[in-house]
N, C-alpha and C. Protein backbone atom coordinates (compact mmCIF):
# COMPACT_ATOMS: atom_id res chain seq x y z
N UNK A 1 93.88 132.22 123.34
CA UNK A 1 93.84 131.12 122.39
C UNK A 1 92.45 130.50 122.36
N UNK A 2 91.87 130.33 123.54
CA UNK A 2 90.53 129.74 123.61
C UNK A 2 89.51 130.59 122.87
N UNK A 3 89.63 131.91 122.97
CA UNK A 3 88.66 132.78 122.28
C UNK A 3 88.79 132.67 120.77
N UNK A 4 89.99 132.44 120.26
CA UNK A 4 90.15 132.26 118.81
C UNK A 4 89.38 131.02 118.36
N UNK A 5 89.51 129.93 119.09
CA UNK A 5 88.83 128.70 118.70
C UNK A 5 87.31 128.82 118.83
N UNK A 6 86.87 129.57 119.84
CA UNK A 6 85.43 129.75 120.04
C UNK A 6 84.86 130.69 118.99
N UNK A 7 85.55 131.78 118.72
CA UNK A 7 85.04 132.78 117.78
C UNK A 7 85.27 132.38 116.32
N UNK A 8 86.27 131.58 116.06
CA UNK A 8 86.59 131.20 114.68
C UNK A 8 86.67 129.68 114.56
N UNK A 9 85.54 129.00 114.63
CA UNK A 9 85.60 127.53 114.56
C UNK A 9 86.12 127.04 113.21
N UNK A 10 85.90 127.83 112.14
CA UNK A 10 86.40 127.41 110.83
C UNK A 10 87.92 127.40 110.80
N UNK A 11 88.52 128.38 111.46
CA UNK A 11 89.98 128.42 111.53
C UNK A 11 90.51 127.21 112.29
N UNK A 12 89.88 126.90 113.40
CA UNK A 12 90.28 125.74 114.19
C UNK A 12 90.15 124.45 113.37
N UNK A 13 89.03 124.32 112.66
CA UNK A 13 88.81 123.14 111.84
C UNK A 13 89.83 123.05 110.71
N UNK A 14 90.13 124.17 110.09
CA UNK A 14 91.11 124.14 109.00
C UNK A 14 92.50 123.81 109.52
N UNK A 15 92.83 124.27 110.73
CA UNK A 15 94.12 123.91 111.31
C UNK A 15 94.20 122.42 111.62
N UNK A 16 93.08 121.82 111.97
CA UNK A 16 93.06 120.38 112.22
C UNK A 16 93.14 119.59 110.91
N UNK A 17 92.47 120.09 109.88
CA UNK A 17 92.40 119.34 108.63
C UNK A 17 93.62 119.53 107.73
N UNK A 18 94.36 120.61 107.92
CA UNK A 18 95.49 120.89 107.04
C UNK A 18 96.52 119.76 107.01
N UNK A 19 96.98 119.23 108.15
CA UNK A 19 97.94 118.11 108.09
C UNK A 19 97.36 116.89 107.37
N UNK A 20 96.07 116.66 107.55
CA UNK A 20 95.44 115.53 106.87
C UNK A 20 95.45 115.74 105.36
N UNK A 21 95.13 116.94 104.92
CA UNK A 21 95.13 117.23 103.49
C UNK A 21 96.53 117.14 102.91
N UNK A 22 97.51 117.65 103.63
CA UNK A 22 98.89 117.60 103.15
C UNK A 22 99.37 116.16 103.05
N UNK A 23 99.11 115.36 104.08
CA UNK A 23 99.55 113.96 104.04
C UNK A 23 98.81 113.19 102.96
N UNK A 24 97.54 113.51 102.73
CA UNK A 24 96.79 112.86 101.67
C UNK A 24 97.38 113.21 100.30
N UNK A 25 97.74 114.47 100.12
CA UNK A 25 98.35 114.89 98.86
C UNK A 25 99.68 114.22 98.63
N UNK A 26 100.49 114.12 99.67
CA UNK A 26 101.79 113.46 99.55
C UNK A 26 101.61 111.99 99.23
N UNK A 27 100.67 111.33 99.90
CA UNK A 27 100.41 109.91 99.64
C UNK A 27 99.96 109.70 98.20
N UNK A 28 99.06 110.55 97.72
CA UNK A 28 98.59 110.43 96.34
C UNK A 28 99.73 110.64 95.37
N UNK A 29 100.58 111.63 95.62
CA UNK A 29 101.72 111.90 94.74
C UNK A 29 102.67 110.71 94.70
N UNK A 30 102.95 110.13 95.86
CA UNK A 30 103.85 108.97 95.92
C UNK A 30 103.25 107.79 95.18
N UNK A 31 101.95 107.53 95.39
CA UNK A 31 101.29 106.40 94.74
C UNK A 31 101.28 106.58 93.22
N UNK A 32 100.92 107.79 92.76
CA UNK A 32 100.89 108.04 91.31
C UNK A 32 102.29 107.94 90.72
N UNK A 33 103.29 108.43 91.45
CA UNK A 33 104.67 108.32 90.97
C UNK A 33 105.11 106.87 90.87
N UNK A 34 104.76 106.07 91.87
CA UNK A 34 105.09 104.65 91.86
C UNK A 34 104.41 103.95 90.69
N UNK A 35 103.13 104.28 90.49
CA UNK A 35 102.37 103.67 89.40
C UNK A 35 102.99 104.05 88.05
N UNK A 36 103.37 105.31 87.88
CA UNK A 36 103.98 105.76 86.64
C UNK A 36 105.31 105.06 86.38
N UNK A 37 106.13 104.94 87.42
CA UNK A 37 107.44 104.31 87.27
C UNK A 37 107.30 102.84 86.93
N UNK A 38 106.42 102.12 87.64
CA UNK A 38 106.27 100.69 87.35
C UNK A 38 105.68 100.46 85.97
N UNK A 39 104.75 101.31 85.54
CA UNK A 39 104.19 101.19 84.19
C UNK A 39 105.26 101.45 83.15
N UNK A 40 106.09 102.46 83.37
CA UNK A 40 107.16 102.78 82.42
C UNK A 40 108.15 101.63 82.32
N UNK A 41 108.51 101.06 83.46
CA UNK A 41 109.47 99.94 83.45
C UNK A 41 108.87 98.76 82.71
N UNK A 42 107.59 98.48 82.94
CA UNK A 42 106.95 97.35 82.27
C UNK A 42 106.90 97.58 80.76
N UNK A 43 106.55 98.81 80.34
CA UNK A 43 106.52 99.11 78.91
C UNK A 43 107.89 98.96 78.29
N UNK A 44 108.92 99.47 78.97
CA UNK A 44 110.28 99.36 78.46
C UNK A 44 110.70 97.91 78.37
N UNK A 45 110.39 97.12 79.39
CA UNK A 45 110.73 95.70 79.39
C UNK A 45 110.03 94.98 78.25
N UNK A 46 108.73 95.26 78.07
CA UNK A 46 107.98 94.58 77.03
C UNK A 46 108.49 94.98 75.65
N UNK A 47 108.81 96.27 75.45
CA UNK A 47 109.34 96.71 74.17
C UNK A 47 110.66 96.03 73.89
N UNK A 48 111.54 95.98 74.89
CA UNK A 48 112.84 95.35 74.72
C UNK A 48 112.67 93.86 74.43
N UNK A 49 111.75 93.21 75.13
CA UNK A 49 111.53 91.78 74.93
C UNK A 49 111.00 91.51 73.53
N UNK A 50 110.03 92.32 73.08
CA UNK A 50 109.48 92.13 71.74
C UNK A 50 110.53 92.41 70.67
N UNK A 51 111.39 93.40 70.91
CA UNK A 51 112.44 93.71 69.95
C UNK A 51 113.43 92.55 69.86
N UNK A 52 113.80 91.97 71.00
CA UNK A 52 114.71 90.82 70.99
C UNK A 52 114.05 89.65 70.27
N UNK A 53 112.78 89.45 70.53
CA UNK A 53 112.07 88.35 69.89
C UNK A 53 112.02 88.56 68.38
N UNK A 54 111.82 89.81 67.96
CA UNK A 54 111.79 90.13 66.54
C UNK A 54 113.16 89.87 65.91
N UNK A 55 114.24 90.23 66.60
CA UNK A 55 115.58 90.06 66.06
C UNK A 55 115.98 88.59 65.97
N UNK A 56 115.54 87.80 66.91
CA UNK A 56 115.90 86.38 66.90
C UNK A 56 115.21 85.68 65.74
N UNK A 57 113.96 86.06 65.47
CA UNK A 57 113.29 85.55 64.28
C UNK A 57 112.27 84.47 64.56
N UNK A 58 111.80 83.88 63.47
CA UNK A 58 110.70 82.93 63.51
C UNK A 58 111.10 81.62 64.18
N UNK A 59 112.35 81.21 64.06
CA UNK A 59 112.77 79.93 64.62
C UNK A 59 112.53 79.88 66.13
N UNK A 60 112.83 80.94 66.81
CA UNK A 60 112.62 80.96 68.26
C UNK A 60 111.14 80.96 68.58
N UNK A 61 110.34 81.65 67.78
CA UNK A 61 108.90 81.68 68.03
C UNK A 61 108.30 80.28 67.88
N UNK A 62 108.79 79.51 66.93
CA UNK A 62 108.26 78.15 66.75
C UNK A 62 108.64 77.26 67.93
N UNK A 63 109.82 77.51 68.51
CA UNK A 63 110.28 76.69 69.63
C UNK A 63 109.75 77.18 70.97
N UNK A 64 109.09 78.33 70.99
CA UNK A 64 108.71 78.93 72.27
C UNK A 64 107.78 78.01 73.06
N UNK A 65 108.06 77.93 74.32
CA UNK A 65 107.28 77.11 75.24
C UNK A 65 106.45 78.06 76.09
N UNK A 66 105.34 77.58 76.58
CA UNK A 66 104.50 78.43 77.42
C UNK A 66 105.31 78.95 78.61
N UNK A 67 105.21 80.24 78.83
CA UNK A 67 105.94 80.85 79.93
C UNK A 67 107.26 81.47 79.52
N UNK A 68 107.72 81.20 78.30
CA UNK A 68 108.98 81.79 77.86
C UNK A 68 108.78 83.27 77.58
N UNK A 69 107.68 83.62 76.92
CA UNK A 69 107.38 85.02 76.64
C UNK A 69 106.33 85.51 77.63
N UNK A 70 106.51 86.69 78.16
CA UNK A 70 105.51 87.21 79.11
C UNK A 70 104.15 87.40 78.44
N UNK A 71 103.11 86.92 79.07
CA UNK A 71 101.78 87.00 78.46
C UNK A 71 101.24 88.41 78.44
N UNK A 72 101.65 89.25 79.39
CA UNK A 72 101.06 90.58 79.48
C UNK A 72 101.76 91.62 78.62
N UNK A 73 102.66 91.23 77.76
CA UNK A 73 103.33 92.21 76.90
C UNK A 73 102.53 92.41 75.63
């Protein structure tokens, strides 16, 4: 075993780095998935909120108080 590490340092290094690369890939995948899901939920919420606001009509918009409608939609 020692001769493999001495004669093939690249193999030894790749064996050390492989778990790091795999965990990094998994972390990136989880983060991107979380970001995609939260963005989708926000878009769906905002679309639904704007549709409800449209259906209720102008009267509700005139009565709207600050904070009633989400600012980021």
